């Protein structure tokens, strides 16, 4: 089962799959970047969503995810290690 996020113009922004039974409720967090959904089996999923996904926000989010990897992987060159420094 999926949760779909739509624009006011009716365009699908994101499709979030993961529920095994019918989705019963959804709620956004206060900053609009998290969504919680629950299904009829009682499962709850916390999603991190970016509704205003500009290239800059996507790059920043990606760099935040790989920050530890870039700093601790011994097999990276100095150039690779500094990949996100310009953001």
PDB file of N, CA and C in Angstrom:
ATOM      1  N   UNK A   1       0.838  -1.170   0.000  1.00  0.00           N
ATOM      2  CA  UNK A   1       0.000   0.000   0.000  1.00  0.00           C
ATOM      3  C   UNK A   1       0.891   1.244   0.000  1.00  0.00           C
ATOM      4  N   UNK A   2       0.402   2.314  -0.559  1.00  0.00           N
ATOM      5  CA  UNK A   2       1.217   3.516  -0.689  1.00  0.00           C
ATOM      6  C   UNK A   2       0.512   4.742  -0.117  1.00  0.00           C
ATOM      7  N   UNK A   3       1.320   5.740   0.172  1.00  0.00           N
ATOM      8  CA  UNK A   3       0.863   7.084   0.510  1.00  0.00           C
ATOM      9  C   UNK A   3       1.355   7.967  -0.620  1.00  0.00           C
ATOM     10  N   UNK A   4       0.488   8.766  -1.172  1.00  0.00           N
ATOM     11  CA  UNK A   4       0.882   9.667  -2.256  1.00  0.00           C
ATOM     12  C   UNK A   4       0.742  11.111  -1.785  1.00  0.00           C
ATOM     13  N   UNK A   5       1.744  11.906  -2.113  1.00  0.00           N
ATOM     14  CA  UNK A   5       1.706  13.333  -1.817  1.00  0.00           C
ATOM     15  C   UNK A   5       1.453  14.068  -3.126  1.00  0.00           C
ATOM     16  N   UNK A   6       0.493  14.973  -3.121  1.00  0.00           N
ATOM     17  CA  UNK A   6       0.040  15.670  -4.323  1.00  0.00           C
ATOM     18  C   UNK A   6       0.208  17.178  -4.166  1.00  0.00           C
ATOM     19  N   UNK A   7       0.391  17.861  -5.277  1.00  0.00           N
ATOM     20  CA  UNK A   7       0.341  19.321  -5.277  1.00  0.00           C
ATOM     21  C   UNK A   7      -1.125  19.741  -5.336  1.00  0.00           C
ATOM     22  N   UNK A   8      -1.376  21.005  -5.107  1.00  0.00           N
ATOM     23  CA  UNK A   8      -2.746  21.509  -5.223  1.00  0.00           C
ATOM     24  C   UNK A   8      -3.256  21.440  -6.656  1.00  0.00           C
ATOM     25  N   UNK A   9      -2.345  21.306  -7.613  1.00  0.00           N
ATOM     26  CA  UNK A   9      -2.729  21.189  -9.027  1.00  0.00           C
ATOM     27  C   UNK A   9      -3.002  19.739  -9.422  1.00  0.00           C
ATOM     28  N   UNK A  10      -2.872  18.798  -8.487  1.00  0.00           N
ATOM     29  CA  UNK A  10      -3.168  17.403  -8.768  1.00  0.00           C
ATOM     30  C   UNK A  10      -2.005  16.595  -9.301  1.00  0.00           C
ATOM     31  N   UNK A  11      -0.783  17.094  -9.160  1.00  0.00           N
ATOM     32  CA  UNK A  11       0.399  16.372  -9.615  1.00  0.00           C
ATOM     33  C   UNK A  11       1.005  15.595  -8.449  1.00  0.00           C
ATOM     34  N   UNK A  12       1.392  14.341  -8.703  1.00  0.00           N
ATOM     35  CA  UNK A  12       2.015  13.531  -7.657  1.00  0.00           C
ATOM     36  C   UNK A  12       3.433  14.035  -7.413  1.00  0.00           C
ATOM     37  N   UNK A  13       3.740  14.336  -6.152  1.00  0.00           N
ATOM     38  CA  UNK A  13       5.072  14.803  -5.775  1.00  0.00           C
ATOM     39  C   UNK A  13       5.932  13.626  -5.341  1.00  0.00           C
ATOM     40  N   UNK A  14       5.374  12.759  -4.487  1.00  0.00           N
ATOM     41  CA  UNK A  14       6.098  11.592  -3.998  1.00  0.00           C
ATOM     42  C   UNK A  14       5.123  10.448  -3.782  1.00  0.00           C
ATOM     43  N   UNK A  15       5.617   9.232  -3.978  1.00  0.00           N
ATOM     44  CA  UNK A  15       4.870   8.029  -3.642  1.00  0.00           C
ATOM     45  C   UNK A  15       5.690   7.257  -2.629  1.00  0.00           C
ATOM     46  N   UNK A  16       5.102   6.991  -1.486  1.00  0.00           N
ATOM     47  CA  UNK A  16       5.789   6.324  -0.388  1.00  0.00           C
ATOM     48  C   UNK A  16       5.168   4.948  -0.186  1.00  0.00           C
ATOM     49  N   UNK A  17       5.919   3.909  -0.483  1.00  0.00           N
ATOM     50  CA  UNK A  17       5.424   2.545  -0.324  1.00  0.00           C
ATOM     51  C   UNK A  17       6.004   1.905   0.908  1.00  0.00           C
ATOM     52  N   UNK A  18       5.278   0.981   1.509  1.00  0.00           N
ATOM     53  CA  UNK A  18       5.825   0.281   2.661  1.00  0.00           C
ATOM     54  C   UNK A  18       4.773  -0.333   3.555  1.00  0.00           C
ATOM     55  N   UNK A  19       3.550   0.119   3.462  1.00  0.00           N
ATOM     56  CA  UNK A  19       2.497  -0.476   4.285  1.00  0.00           C
ATOM     57  C   UNK A  19       2.022  -1.777   3.657  1.00  0.00           C
ATOM     58  N   UNK A  20       1.669  -2.731   4.506  1.00  0.00           N
ATOM     59  CA  UNK A  20       1.195  -4.026   4.024  1.00  0.00           C
ATOM     60  C   UNK A  20      -0.319  -4.142   4.057  1.00  0.00           C
ATOM     61  N   UNK A  21      -0.974  -3.171   4.657  1.00  0.00           N
ATOM     62  CA  UNK A  21      -2.435  -3.146   4.675  1.00  0.00           C
ATOM     63  C   UNK A  21      -2.885  -1.706   4.463  1.00  0.00           C
ATOM     64  N   UNK A  22      -4.170  -1.497   4.377  1.00  0.00           N
ATOM     65  CA  UNK A  22      -4.703  -0.182   4.034  1.00  0.00           C
ATOM     66  C   UNK A  22      -4.264   0.931   4.967  1.00  0.00           C
ATOM     67  N   UNK A  23      -3.861   2.040   4.394  1.00  0.00           N
ATOM     68  CA  UNK A  23      -3.432   3.200   5.178  1.00  0.00           C
ATOM     69  C   UNK A  23      -4.659   3.823   5.822  1.00  0.00           C
ATOM     70  N   UNK A  24      -4.590   4.050   7.131  1.00  0.00           N
ATOM     71  CA  UNK A  24      -5.727   4.579   7.879  1.00  0.00           C
ATOM     72  C   UNK A  24      -5.593   6.060   8.197  1.00  0.00           C
ATOM     73  N   UNK A  25      -4.354   6.524   8.429  1.00  0.00           N
ATOM     74  CA  UNK A  25      -4.178   7.932   8.776  1.00  0.00           C
ATOM     75  C   UNK A  25      -2.784   8.413   8.398  1.00  0.00           C
ATOM     76  N   UNK A  26      -2.693   9.714   8.167  1.00  0.00           N
ATOM     77  CA  UNK A  26      -1.409  10.370   7.911  1.00  0.00           C
ATOM     78  C   UNK A  26      -1.410  11.710   8.640  1.00  0.00           C
ATOM     79  N   UNK A  27      -0.233  12.147   9.034  1.00  0.00           N
ATOM     80  CA  UNK A  27      -0.105  13.432   9.714  1.00  0.00           C
ATOM     81  C   UNK A  27       1.291  13.988   9.460  1.00  0.00           C
ATOM     82  N   UNK A  28       1.365  15.286   9.167  1.00  0.00           N
ATOM     83  CA  UNK A  28       2.644  15.960   8.976  1.00  0.00           C
ATOM     84  C   UNK A  28       3.189  16.444  10.305  1.00  0.00           C
ATOM     85  N   UNK A  29       4.523  16.453  10.420  1.00  0.00           N
ATOM     86  CA  UNK A  29       5.175  17.059  11.564  1.00  0.00           C
ATOM     87  C   UNK A  29       5.098  18.571  11.457  1.00  0.00           C
ATOM     88  N   UNK A  30       5.452  19.284  12.509  1.00  0.00           N
ATOM     89  CA  UNK A  30       5.316  20.741  12.530  1.00  0.00           C
ATOM     90  C   UNK A  30       6.124  21.472  11.457  1.00  0.00           C
ATOM     91  N   UNK A  31       7.256  20.905  11.034  1.00  0.00           N
ATOM     92  CA  UNK A  31       8.065  21.592  10.021  1.00  0.00           C
ATOM     93  C   UNK A  31       7.712  21.166   8.593  1.00  0.00           C
ATOM     94  N   UNK A  32       6.768  20.223   8.444  1.00  0.00           N
ATOM     95  CA  UNK A  32       6.344  19.785   7.128  1.00  0.00           C
ATOM     96  C   UNK A  32       7.325  18.869   6.430  1.00  0.00           C
ATOM     97  N   UNK A  33       8.397  18.476   7.086  1.00  0.00           N
ATOM     98  CA  UNK A  33       9.405  17.626   6.469  1.00  0.00           C
ATOM     99  C   UNK A  33       9.299  16.172   6.917  1.00  0.00           C
ATOM    100  N   UNK A  34       8.440  15.892   7.891  1.00  0.00           N
ATOM    101  CA  UNK A  34       8.188  14.526   8.321  1.00  0.00           C
ATOM    102  C   UNK A  34       6.700  14.237   8.169  1.00  0.00           C
ATOM    103  N   UNK A  35       6.427  12.985   7.856  1.00  0.00           N
ATOM    104  CA  UNK A  35       5.060  12.510   7.714  1.00  0.00           C
ATOM    105  C   UNK A  35       4.976  11.190   8.458  1.00  0.00           C
ATOM    106  N   UNK A  36       3.922  11.012   9.230  1.00  0.00           N
ATOM    107  CA  UNK A  36       3.682   9.755   9.926  1.00  0.00           C
ATOM    108  C   UNK A  36       2.434   9.141   9.328  1.00  0.00           C
ATOM    109  N   UNK A  37       2.509   7.854   8.978  1.00  0.00           N
ATOM    110  CA  UNK A  37       1.335   7.155   8.462  1.00  0.00           C
ATOM    111  C   UNK A  37       1.147   5.869   9.244  1.00  0.00           C
ATOM    112  N   UNK A  38      -0.114   5.462   9.376  1.00  0.00           N
ATOM    113  CA  UNK A  38      -0.412   4.203  10.051  1.00  0.00           C
ATOM    114  C   UNK A  38      -1.366   3.401   9.182  1.00  0.00           C
ATOM    115  N   UNK A  39      -1.313   2.076   9.346  1.00  0.00           N
ATOM    116  CA  UNK A  39      -2.183   1.227   8.543  1.00  0.00           C
ATOM    117  C   UNK A  39      -3.137   0.432   9.438  1.00  0.00           C
ATOM    118  N   UNK A  40      -4.011  -0.310   8.804  1.00  0.00           N
ATOM    119  CA  UNK A  40      -5.043  -1.037   9.543  1.00  0.00           C
ATOM    120  C   UNK A  40      -4.484  -2.193  10.364  1.00  0.00           C
ATOM    121  N   UNK A  41      -3.222  -2.570  10.151  1.00  0.00           N
ATOM    122  CA  UNK A  41      -2.582  -3.604  10.966  1.00  0.00           C
ATOM    123  C   UNK A  41      -1.905  -3.025  12.196  1.00  0.00           C
ATOM    124  N   UNK A  42      -1.930  -1.700  12.341  1.00  0.00           N
ATOM    125  CA  UNK A  42      -1.303  -1.046  13.479  1.00  0.00           C
ATOM    126  C   UNK A  42       0.139  -0.637  13.250  1.00  0.00           C
ATOM    127  N   UNK A  43       0.658  -0.828  12.042  1.00  0.00           N
ATOM    128  CA  UNK A  43       2.032  -0.414  11.736  1.00  0.00           C
ATOM    129  C   UNK A  43       2.078   1.095  11.524  1.00  0.00           C
ATOM    130  N   UNK A  44       3.148   1.699  12.002  1.00  0.00           N
ATOM    131  CA  UNK A  44       3.361   3.141  11.865  1.00  0.00           C
ATOM    132  C   UNK A  44       4.701   3.347  11.172  1.00  0.00           C
ATOM    133  N   UNK A  45       4.725   4.266  10.185  1.00  0.00           N
ATOM    134  CA  UNK A  45       5.969   4.585   9.479  1.00  0.00           C
ATOM    135  C   UNK A  45       6.201   6.085   9.567  1.00  0.00           C
ATOM    136  N   UNK A  46       7.425   6.455   9.918  1.00  0.00           N
ATOM    137  CA  UNK A  46       7.843   7.860   9.915  1.00  0.00           C
ATOM    138  C   UNK A  46       8.642   8.098   8.650  1.00  0.00           C
ATOM    139  N   UNK A  47       8.200   9.043   7.847  1.00  0.00           N
ATOM    140  CA  UNK A  47       8.838   9.359   6.574  1.00  0.00           C
ATOM    141  C   UNK A  47       9.512  10.723   6.670  1.00  0.00           C
ATOM    142  N   UNK A  48      10.672  10.855   6.063  1.00  0.00           N
ATOM    143  CA  UNK A  48      11.298  12.155   5.855  1.00  0.00           C
ATOM    144  C   UNK A  48      10.988  12.561   4.421  1.00  0.00           C
ATOM    145  N   UNK A  49      10.254  13.639   4.263  1.00  0.00           N
ATOM    146  CA  UNK A  49       9.851  14.092   2.932  1.00  0.00           C
ATOM    147  C   UNK A  49      10.369  15.497   2.700  1.00  0.00           C
ATOM    148  N   UNK A  50      10.594  15.824   1.445  1.00  0.00           N
ATOM    149  CA  UNK A  50      10.987  17.183   1.071  1.00  0.00           C
ATOM    150  C   UNK A  50      10.000  17.656   0.034  1.00  0.00           C
ATOM    151  N   UNK A  51       9.082  18.491   0.465  1.00  0.00           N
ATOM    152  CA  UNK A  51       8.041  18.928  -0.451  1.00  0.00           C
ATOM    153  C   UNK A  51       8.523  20.002  -1.406  1.00  0.00           C
ATOM    154  N   UNK A  52       9.481  20.776  -0.999  1.00  0.00           N
ATOM    155  CA  UNK A  52      10.046  21.803  -1.874  1.00  0.00           C
ATOM    156  C   UNK A  52      11.474  21.393  -2.207  1.00  0.00           C
ATOM    157  N   UNK A  53      11.604  20.398  -3.044  1.00  0.00           N
ATOM    158  CA  UNK A  53      12.897  19.794  -3.331  1.00  0.00           C
ATOM    159  C   UNK A  53      13.630  20.580  -4.414  1.00  0.00           C
ATOM    160  N   UNK A  54      14.398  21.574  -3.987  1.00  0.00           N
ATOM    161  CA  UNK A  54      15.254  22.294  -4.913  1.00  0.00           C
ATOM    162  C   UNK A  54      16.567  21.525  -5.025  1.00  0.00           C
ATOM    163  N   UNK A  55      17.313  21.730  -6.093  1.00  0.00           N
ATOM    164  CA  UNK A  55      18.608  21.040  -6.202  1.00  0.00           C
ATOM    165  C   UNK A  55      19.516  21.298  -5.001  1.00  0.00           C
ATOM    166  N   UNK A  56      19.507  22.518  -4.485  1.00  0.00           N
ATOM    167  CA  UNK A  56      20.359  22.843  -3.345  1.00  0.00           C
ATOM    168  C   UNK A  56      19.949  22.056  -2.104  1.00  0.00           C
ATOM    169  N   UNK A  57      18.638  21.958  -1.854  1.00  0.00           N
ATOM    170  CA  UNK A  57      18.169  21.195  -0.693  1.00  0.00           C
ATOM    171  C   UNK A  57      18.496  19.714  -0.841  1.00  0.00           C
ATOM    172  N   UNK A  58      18.338  19.182  -2.046  1.00  0.00           N
ATOM    173  CA  UNK A  58      18.640  17.774  -2.262  1.00  0.00           C
ATOM    174  C   UNK A  58      20.122  17.489  -2.060  1.00  0.00           C
ATOM    175  N   UNK A  59      20.989  18.380  -2.554  1.00  0.00           N
ATOM    176  CA  UNK A  59      22.435  18.197  -2.355  1.00  0.00           C
ATOM    177  C   UNK A  59      22.803  18.276  -0.886  1.00  0.00           C
ATOM    178  N   UNK A  60      22.233  19.231  -0.174  1.00  0.00           N
ATOM    179  CA  UNK A  60      22.508  19.371   1.251  1.00  0.00           C
ATOM    180  C   UNK A  60      22.042  18.137   2.010  1.00  0.00           C
ATOM    181  N   UNK A  61      20.860  17.659   1.689  1.00  0.00           N
ATOM    182  CA  UNK A  61      20.341  16.467   2.355  1.00  0.00           C
ATOM    183  C   UNK A  61      21.228  15.252   2.064  1.00  0.00           C
ATOM    184  N   UNK A  62      21.635  15.083   0.816  1.00  0.00           N
ATOM    185  CA  UNK A  62      22.514  13.980   0.457  1.00  0.00           C
ATOM    186  C   UNK A  62      23.848  14.054   1.179  1.00  0.00           C
ATOM    187  N   UNK A  63      24.412  15.244   1.240  1.00  0.00           N
ATOM    188  CA  UNK A  63      25.698  15.409   1.928  1.00  0.00           C
ATOM    189  C   UNK A  63      25.570  15.144   3.422  1.00  0.00           C
ATOM    190  N   UNK A  64      24.452  15.509   4.017  1.00  0.00           N
ATOM    191  CA  UNK A  64      24.233  15.195   5.432  1.00  0.00           C
ATOM    192  C   UNK A  64      24.195  13.693   5.656  1.00  0.00           C
ATOM    193  N   UNK A  65      23.633  12.949   4.716  1.00  0.00           N
ATOM    194  CA  UNK A  65      23.550  11.492   4.837  1.00  0.00           C
ATOM    195  C   UNK A  65      24.920  10.837   4.749  1.00  0.00           C
ATOM    196  N   UNK A  66      25.815  11.361   3.917  1.00  0.00           N
ATOM    197  CA  UNK A  66      27.104  10.697   3.691  1.00  0.00           C
ATOM    198  C   UNK A  66      28.261  11.358   4.433  1.00  0.00           C
ATOM    199  N   UNK A  67      27.964  12.295   5.296  1.00  0.00           N
ATOM    200  CA  UNK A  67      29.014  13.049   5.988  1.00  0.00           C
ATOM    201  C   UNK A  67      29.998  12.137   6.723  1.00  0.00           C
ATOM    202  N   UNK A  68      29.505  11.222   7.534  1.00  0.00           N
ATOM    203  CA  UNK A  68      30.393  10.316   8.278  1.00  0.00           C
ATOM    204  C   UNK A  68      31.217   9.445   7.338  1.00  0.00           C
ATOM    205  N   UNK A  69      30.581   8.949   6.279  1.00  0.00           N
ATOM    206  CA  UNK A  69      31.287   8.126   5.295  1.00  0.00           C
ATOM    207  C   UNK A  69      32.444   8.896   4.673  1.00  0.00           C
ATOM    208  N   UNK A  70      32.184  10.140   4.293  1.00  0.00           N
ATOM    209  CA  UNK A  70      33.224  10.950   3.650  1.00  0.00           C
ATOM    210  C   UNK A  70      34.389  11.225   4.603  1.00  0.00           C
ATOM    211  N   UNK A  71      34.088  11.369   5.878  1.00  0.00           N
ATOM    212  CA  UNK A  71      35.143  11.702   6.836  1.00  0.00           C
ATOM    213  C   UNK A  71      35.916  10.483   7.337  1.00  0.00           C
ATOM    214  N   UNK A  72      35.306   9.305   7.319  1.00  0.00           N
ATOM    215  CA  UNK A  72      35.946   8.158   7.961  1.00  0.00           C
ATOM    216  C   UNK A  72      36.420   7.061   7.012  1.00  0.00           C
ATOM    217  N   UNK A  73      35.998   7.068   5.767  1.00  0.00           N
ATOM    218  CA  UNK A  73      36.405   6.009   4.844  1.00  0.00           C
ATOM    219  C   UNK A  73      37.875   6.201   4.455  1.00  0.00           C
ATOM    220  N   UNK A  74      38.727   5.245   4.781  1.00  0.00           N
ATOM    221  CA  UNK A  74      40.157   5.407   4.506  1.00  0.00           C
ATOM    222  C   UNK A  74      40.521   5.279   3.026  1.00  0.00           C
ATOM    223  N   UNK A  75      39.601   4.858   2.197  1.00  0.00           N
ATOM    224  CA  UNK A  75      39.897   4.625   0.784  1.00  0.00           C
ATOM    225  C   UNK A  75      39.555   5.815  -0.108  1.00  0.00           C
ATOM    226  N   UNK A  76      39.136   6.932   0.463  1.00  0.00           N
ATOM    227  CA  UNK A  76      38.770   8.103  -0.332  1.00  0.00           C
ATOM    228  C   UNK A  76      39.953   9.036  -0.501  1.00  0.00           C
ATOM    229  N   UNK A  77      40.010   9.683  -1.655  1.00  0.00           N
ATOM    230  CA  UNK A  77      41.033  10.703  -1.887  1.00  0.00           C
ATOM    231  C   UNK A  77      40.609  11.989  -1.173  1.00  0.00           C
ATOM    232  N   UNK A  78      41.531  12.925  -1.073  1.00  0.00           N
ATOM    233  CA  UNK A  78      41.221  14.216  -0.450  1.00  0.00           C
ATOM    234  C   UNK A  78      40.111  14.934  -1.221  1.00  0.00           C
ATOM    235  N   UNK A  79      40.146  14.830  -2.535  1.00  0.00           N
ATOM    236  CA  UNK A  79      39.101  15.456  -3.356  1.00  0.00           C
ATOM    237  C   UNK A  79      37.728  14.848  -3.063  1.00  0.00           C
ATOM    238  N   UNK A  80      37.661  13.534  -2.973  1.00  0.00           N
ATOM    239  CA  UNK A  80      36.392  12.861  -2.663  1.00  0.00           C
ATOM    240  C   UNK A  80      35.930  13.205  -1.249  1.00  0.00           C
ATOM    241  N   UNK A  81      36.836  13.267  -0.326  1.00  0.00           N
ATOM    242  CA  UNK A  81      36.517  13.573   1.073  1.00  0.00           C
ATOM    243  C   UNK A  81      35.915  14.972   1.213  1.00  0.00           C
ATOM    244  N   UNK A  82      36.305  15.887   0.345  1.00  0.00           N
ATOM    245  CA  UNK A  82      35.836  17.273   0.411  1.00  0.00           C
ATOM    246  C   UNK A  82      34.702  17.561  -0.564  1.00  0.00           C
ATOM    247  N   UNK A  83      34.053  16.513  -1.039  1.00  0.00           N
ATOM    248  CA  UNK A  83      32.996  16.639  -2.036  1.00  0.00           C
ATOM    249  C   UNK A  83      31.903  17.629  -1.641  1.00  0.00           C
ATOM    250  N   UNK A  84      31.526  17.647  -0.384  1.00  0.00           N
ATOM    251  CA  UNK A  84      30.394  18.482   0.066  1.00  0.00           C
ATOM    252  C   UNK A  84      30.822  19.801   0.693  1.00  0.00           C
ATOM    253  N   UNK A  85      32.090  20.118   0.673  1.00  0.00           N
ATOM    254  CA  UNK A  85      32.563  21.328   1.347  1.00  0.00           C
ATOM    255  C   UNK A  85      31.995  22.617   0.749  1.00  0.00           C
ATOM    256  N   UNK A  86      31.609  22.600  -0.504  1.00  0.00           N
ATOM    257  CA  UNK A  86      31.125  23.832  -1.147  1.00  0.00           C
ATOM    258  C   UNK A  86      29.682  24.161  -0.802  1.00  0.00           C
ATOM    259  N   UNK A  87      28.989  23.282  -0.120  1.00  0.00           N
ATOM    260  CA  UNK A  87      27.581  23.522   0.205  1.00  0.00           C
ATOM    261  C   UNK A  87      27.419  24.313   1.473  1.00  0.00           C
TER     262      UNK A  87
END
